[in-house]
């Protein structure tokens, strides 16, 4: 069992689900402290589309330092990793 983060929204996990028959994907961001999920519908799993969604969500919490696990799918997309680095992310890479 992993240790509980020090506070809510200091560590998050991010993953996609889909595609669904409609062609949509779900971008799921889960707070590792509370396990509270935020789910956004998107047509694309591209770095640009993901960054826009994540940027909006993270500004809600006014936090500039994030540490999280990124799935293998996302962490292999260097453009996504580079975009996340602008938000001071620890991508584990």
N, C-alpha and C. Protein backbone atom coordinates (compact mmCIF):
# COMPACT_ATOMS: atom_id res chain seq x y z
N UNK A 1 0.85 -1.17 0.00
CA UNK A 1 0.00 0.00 0.00
C UNK A 1 0.90 1.24 0.00
N UNK A 2 0.59 2.19 -0.84
CA UNK A 2 1.38 3.41 -0.92
C UNK A 2 0.95 4.41 0.16
N UNK A 3 1.87 5.31 0.49
CA UNK A 3 1.58 6.32 1.50
C UNK A 3 0.58 7.35 0.98
N UNK A 4 -0.23 7.83 1.89
CA UNK A 4 -1.19 8.88 1.57
C UNK A 4 -0.45 10.19 1.35
N UNK A 5 -0.78 10.94 0.30
CA UNK A 5 -0.14 12.25 0.10
C UNK A 5 -0.37 13.16 1.30
N UNK A 6 0.45 14.17 1.42
CA UNK A 6 0.39 15.08 2.57
C UNK A 6 -0.91 15.89 2.63
N UNK A 7 -1.49 16.19 1.47
CA UNK A 7 -2.68 17.04 1.43
C UNK A 7 -3.46 16.76 0.15
N UNK A 8 -4.72 17.15 0.11
CA UNK A 8 -5.51 16.98 -1.12
C UNK A 8 -4.92 17.76 -2.29
N UNK A 9 -5.02 17.19 -3.46
CA UNK A 9 -4.63 17.79 -4.73
C UNK A 9 -3.14 18.14 -4.83
N UNK A 10 -2.31 17.47 -4.03
CA UNK A 10 -0.86 17.63 -4.20
C UNK A 10 -0.30 16.52 -5.07
N UNK A 11 -1.03 15.40 -5.17
CA UNK A 11 -0.66 14.31 -6.06
C UNK A 11 -1.93 13.83 -6.74
N UNK A 12 -1.86 13.72 -8.05
CA UNK A 12 -3.01 13.26 -8.83
C UNK A 12 -2.56 12.19 -9.82
N UNK A 13 -3.52 11.38 -10.23
CA UNK A 13 -3.29 10.39 -11.28
C UNK A 13 -4.16 10.78 -12.46
N UNK A 14 -3.64 10.57 -13.66
CA UNK A 14 -4.33 10.98 -14.89
C UNK A 14 -4.37 9.80 -15.84
N UNK A 15 -5.54 9.56 -16.45
CA UNK A 15 -5.66 8.48 -17.42
C UNK A 15 -6.81 8.78 -18.37
N UNK A 16 -6.80 8.11 -19.51
CA UNK A 16 -7.88 8.18 -20.48
C UNK A 16 -8.69 6.89 -20.43
N UNK A 17 -9.97 7.00 -20.77
CA UNK A 17 -10.82 5.85 -20.99
C UNK A 17 -11.46 6.05 -22.36
N UNK A 18 -11.57 4.97 -23.13
CA UNK A 18 -12.17 5.07 -24.45
C UNK A 18 -11.23 4.57 -25.52
N UNK A 19 -11.59 4.74 -26.76
CA UNK A 19 -12.72 5.53 -27.26
C UNK A 19 -14.06 4.80 -27.08
N UNK A 20 -15.08 5.59 -26.93
CA UNK A 20 -16.44 5.09 -26.84
C UNK A 20 -17.07 5.09 -28.23
N UNK A 21 -18.22 4.44 -28.43
CA UNK A 21 -18.84 4.39 -29.76
C UNK A 21 -19.05 5.77 -30.39
N UNK A 22 -19.22 6.79 -29.57
CA UNK A 22 -19.40 8.15 -30.07
C UNK A 22 -18.11 8.76 -30.59
N UNK A 23 -16.97 8.09 -30.30
CA UNK A 23 -15.67 8.63 -30.67
C UNK A 23 -15.05 9.46 -29.56
N UNK A 24 -15.78 9.66 -28.48
CA UNK A 24 -15.29 10.45 -27.35
C UNK A 24 -14.39 9.62 -26.45
N UNK A 25 -13.55 10.33 -25.71
CA UNK A 25 -12.71 9.75 -24.66
C UNK A 25 -13.06 10.45 -23.36
N UNK A 26 -12.75 9.82 -22.25
CA UNK A 26 -12.85 10.46 -20.95
C UNK A 26 -11.44 10.69 -20.44
N UNK A 27 -11.16 11.90 -20.03
CA UNK A 27 -9.91 12.22 -19.36
C UNK A 27 -10.24 12.26 -17.87
N UNK A 28 -9.64 11.34 -17.11
CA UNK A 28 -9.96 11.19 -15.69
C UNK A 28 -8.77 11.64 -14.85
N UNK A 29 -9.00 12.61 -13.99
CA UNK A 29 -7.99 13.12 -13.07
C UNK A 29 -8.49 12.76 -11.67
N UNK A 30 -7.69 12.00 -10.92
CA UNK A 30 -8.09 11.55 -9.60
C UNK A 30 -7.13 12.08 -8.54
N UNK A 31 -7.68 12.73 -7.52
CA UNK A 31 -6.88 13.18 -6.39
C UNK A 31 -6.44 11.95 -5.61
N UNK A 32 -5.14 11.75 -5.47
CA UNK A 32 -4.64 10.56 -4.79
C UNK A 32 -4.87 10.59 -3.28
N UNK A 33 -5.19 11.74 -2.73
CA UNK A 33 -5.47 11.87 -1.29
C UNK A 33 -6.91 11.44 -0.99
N UNK A 34 -7.87 12.04 -1.68
CA UNK A 34 -9.29 11.78 -1.40
C UNK A 34 -9.91 10.75 -2.34
N UNK A 35 -9.23 10.46 -3.44
CA UNK A 35 -9.74 9.60 -4.52
C UNK A 35 -10.89 10.27 -5.28
N UNK A 36 -11.05 11.57 -5.12
CA UNK A 36 -12.09 12.32 -5.81
C UNK A 36 -11.72 12.43 -7.29
N UNK A 37 -12.61 11.98 -8.18
CA UNK A 37 -12.30 12.07 -9.62
C UNK A 37 -12.93 13.29 -10.27
N UNK A 38 -12.25 13.81 -11.25
CA UNK A 38 -12.81 14.81 -12.16
C UNK A 38 -12.74 14.18 -13.54
N UNK A 39 -13.85 14.19 -14.25
CA UNK A 39 -13.93 13.55 -15.56
C UNK A 39 -14.33 14.58 -16.60
N UNK A 40 -13.56 14.66 -17.66
CA UNK A 40 -13.85 15.56 -18.77
C UNK A 40 -13.98 14.75 -20.05
N UNK A 41 -14.95 15.09 -20.87
CA UNK A 41 -15.14 14.44 -22.17
C UNK A 41 -14.31 15.18 -23.20
N UNK A 42 -13.61 14.42 -24.04
CA UNK A 42 -12.79 15.02 -25.09
C UNK A 42 -12.85 14.17 -26.35
N UNK A 43 -12.66 14.80 -27.48
CA UNK A 43 -12.63 14.09 -28.76
C UNK A 43 -11.24 13.58 -29.10
N UNK A 44 -10.23 14.07 -28.37
CA UNK A 44 -8.85 13.77 -28.72
C UNK A 44 -8.01 13.46 -27.49
N UNK A 45 -7.03 12.58 -27.67
CA UNK A 45 -6.07 12.31 -26.60
C UNK A 45 -4.75 13.02 -26.88
N UNK A 46 -4.77 13.98 -27.78
CA UNK A 46 -3.54 14.69 -28.13
C UNK A 46 -3.03 15.50 -26.94
N UNK A 47 -1.75 15.80 -26.98
CA UNK A 47 -1.14 16.60 -25.92
C UNK A 47 -1.81 17.97 -25.82
N UNK A 48 -2.07 18.59 -26.95
CA UNK A 48 -2.66 19.93 -26.94
C UNK A 48 -4.05 19.92 -26.30
N UNK A 49 -4.89 18.98 -26.72
CA UNK A 49 -6.25 18.90 -26.17
C UNK A 49 -6.21 18.59 -24.67
N UNK A 50 -5.33 17.68 -24.28
CA UNK A 50 -5.21 17.30 -22.87
C UNK A 50 -4.72 18.46 -22.03
N UNK A 51 -3.74 19.17 -22.54
CA UNK A 51 -3.17 20.30 -21.80
C UNK A 51 -4.22 21.36 -21.52
N UNK A 52 -5.05 21.67 -22.50
CA UNK A 52 -6.08 22.69 -22.31
C UNK A 52 -7.05 22.29 -21.20
N UNK A 53 -7.43 21.02 -21.18
CA UNK A 53 -8.34 20.54 -20.14
C UNK A 53 -7.65 20.59 -18.78
N UNK A 54 -6.43 20.06 -18.71
CA UNK A 54 -5.70 20.02 -17.44
C UNK A 54 -5.41 21.42 -16.91
N UNK A 55 -5.05 22.31 -17.80
CA UNK A 55 -4.75 23.69 -17.39
C UNK A 55 -5.97 24.32 -16.72
N UNK A 56 -7.15 24.13 -17.32
CA UNK A 56 -8.38 24.68 -16.74
C UNK A 56 -8.68 24.06 -15.37
N UNK A 57 -8.52 22.75 -15.27
CA UNK A 57 -8.82 22.07 -14.00
C UNK A 57 -7.86 22.50 -12.91
N UNK A 58 -6.57 22.53 -13.21
CA UNK A 58 -5.59 22.84 -12.18
C UNK A 58 -5.66 24.29 -11.73
N UNK A 59 -6.14 25.17 -12.60
CA UNK A 59 -6.32 26.55 -12.16
C UNK A 59 -7.47 26.68 -11.16
N UNK A 60 -8.40 25.74 -11.18
CA UNK A 60 -9.47 25.74 -10.18
C UNK A 60 -8.91 25.60 -8.77
N UNK A 61 -7.83 24.86 -8.66
CA UNK A 61 -7.26 24.58 -7.34
C UNK A 61 -6.10 25.52 -7.00
N UNK A 62 -5.77 26.40 -7.90
CA UNK A 62 -4.73 27.42 -7.71
C UNK A 62 -3.44 26.83 -7.16
N UNK A 63 -3.10 25.66 -7.64
CA UNK A 63 -1.86 25.03 -7.22
C UNK A 63 -0.90 25.01 -8.40
N UNK A 64 0.35 25.34 -8.14
CA UNK A 64 1.34 25.39 -9.21
C UNK A 64 2.34 24.25 -9.13
N UNK A 65 2.25 23.45 -8.09
CA UNK A 65 3.15 22.30 -7.97
C UNK A 65 2.32 21.04 -7.88
N UNK A 66 2.55 20.14 -8.79
CA UNK A 66 1.80 18.90 -8.84
C UNK A 66 2.77 17.75 -9.02
N UNK A 67 2.43 16.65 -8.41
CA UNK A 67 3.19 15.42 -8.60
C UNK A 67 2.15 14.34 -8.84
N UNK A 68 2.37 13.51 -9.84
CA UNK A 68 1.37 12.50 -10.14
C UNK A 68 1.96 11.36 -10.93
N UNK A 69 1.17 10.34 -11.06
CA UNK A 69 1.52 9.24 -11.94
C UNK A 69 0.84 9.50 -13.27
N UNK A 70 1.60 9.35 -14.32
CA UNK A 70 1.03 9.46 -15.66
C UNK A 70 1.10 8.08 -16.29
N UNK A 71 0.03 7.66 -16.89
CA UNK A 71 0.01 6.33 -17.50
C UNK A 71 1.08 6.22 -18.58
N UNK A 72 1.45 4.99 -18.89
CA UNK A 72 2.46 4.76 -19.93
C UNK A 72 2.07 5.43 -21.24
N UNK A 73 0.80 5.38 -21.59
CA UNK A 73 0.33 5.99 -22.84
C UNK A 73 0.67 7.47 -22.88
N UNK A 74 0.42 8.18 -21.80
CA UNK A 74 0.67 9.61 -21.78
C UNK A 74 2.14 9.94 -21.66
N UNK A 75 2.88 9.18 -20.85
CA UNK A 75 4.28 9.52 -20.60
C UNK A 75 5.16 9.24 -21.81
N UNK A 76 4.68 8.48 -22.78
CA UNK A 76 5.45 8.23 -24.00
C UNK A 76 5.29 9.35 -25.02
N UNK A 77 4.31 10.21 -24.82
CA UNK A 77 4.07 11.33 -25.72
C UNK A 77 4.89 12.52 -25.22
N UNK A 78 6.08 12.70 -25.81
CA UNK A 78 6.98 13.74 -25.31
C UNK A 78 6.38 15.14 -25.43
N UNK A 79 5.53 15.39 -26.41
CA UNK A 79 4.92 16.71 -26.50
C UNK A 79 4.01 16.94 -25.30
N UNK A 80 3.34 15.88 -24.84
CA UNK A 80 2.50 15.98 -23.65
C UNK A 80 3.36 16.23 -22.41
N UNK A 81 4.44 15.49 -22.27
CA UNK A 81 5.35 15.66 -21.14
C UNK A 81 5.93 17.07 -21.13
N UNK A 82 6.31 17.58 -22.31
CA UNK A 82 6.86 18.94 -22.39
C UNK A 82 5.82 19.99 -22.00
N UNK A 83 4.58 19.80 -22.43
CA UNK A 83 3.53 20.75 -22.05
C UNK A 83 3.28 20.71 -20.55
N UNK A 84 3.27 19.52 -19.97
CA UNK A 84 3.06 19.42 -18.53
C UNK A 84 4.17 20.08 -17.74
N UNK A 85 5.38 20.04 -18.28
CA UNK A 85 6.50 20.64 -17.56
C UNK A 85 6.33 22.15 -17.39
N UNK A 86 5.51 22.77 -18.24
CA UNK A 86 5.25 24.20 -18.08
C UNK A 86 4.41 24.49 -16.84
N UNK A 87 3.75 23.46 -16.32
CA UNK A 87 2.95 23.61 -15.10
C UNK A 87 3.68 23.06 -13.88
N UNK A 88 4.97 22.82 -13.99
CA UNK A 88 5.80 22.31 -12.91
C UNK A 88 5.32 20.93 -12.47
N UNK A 89 5.18 20.02 -13.40
CA UNK A 89 4.78 18.65 -13.12
C UNK A 89 5.99 17.78 -12.91
N UNK A 90 5.84 16.78 -12.07
CA UNK A 90 6.82 15.72 -11.94
C UNK A 90 6.25 14.53 -12.69
N UNK A 91 6.78 14.26 -13.87
CA UNK A 91 6.23 13.20 -14.71
C UNK A 91 6.83 11.85 -14.40
N UNK A 92 7.74 11.79 -13.47
CA UNK A 92 8.35 10.52 -13.12
C UNK A 92 9.34 10.04 -14.14
N UNK A 93 9.68 10.86 -15.11
CA UNK A 93 10.63 10.48 -16.17
C UNK A 93 11.95 11.13 -15.93
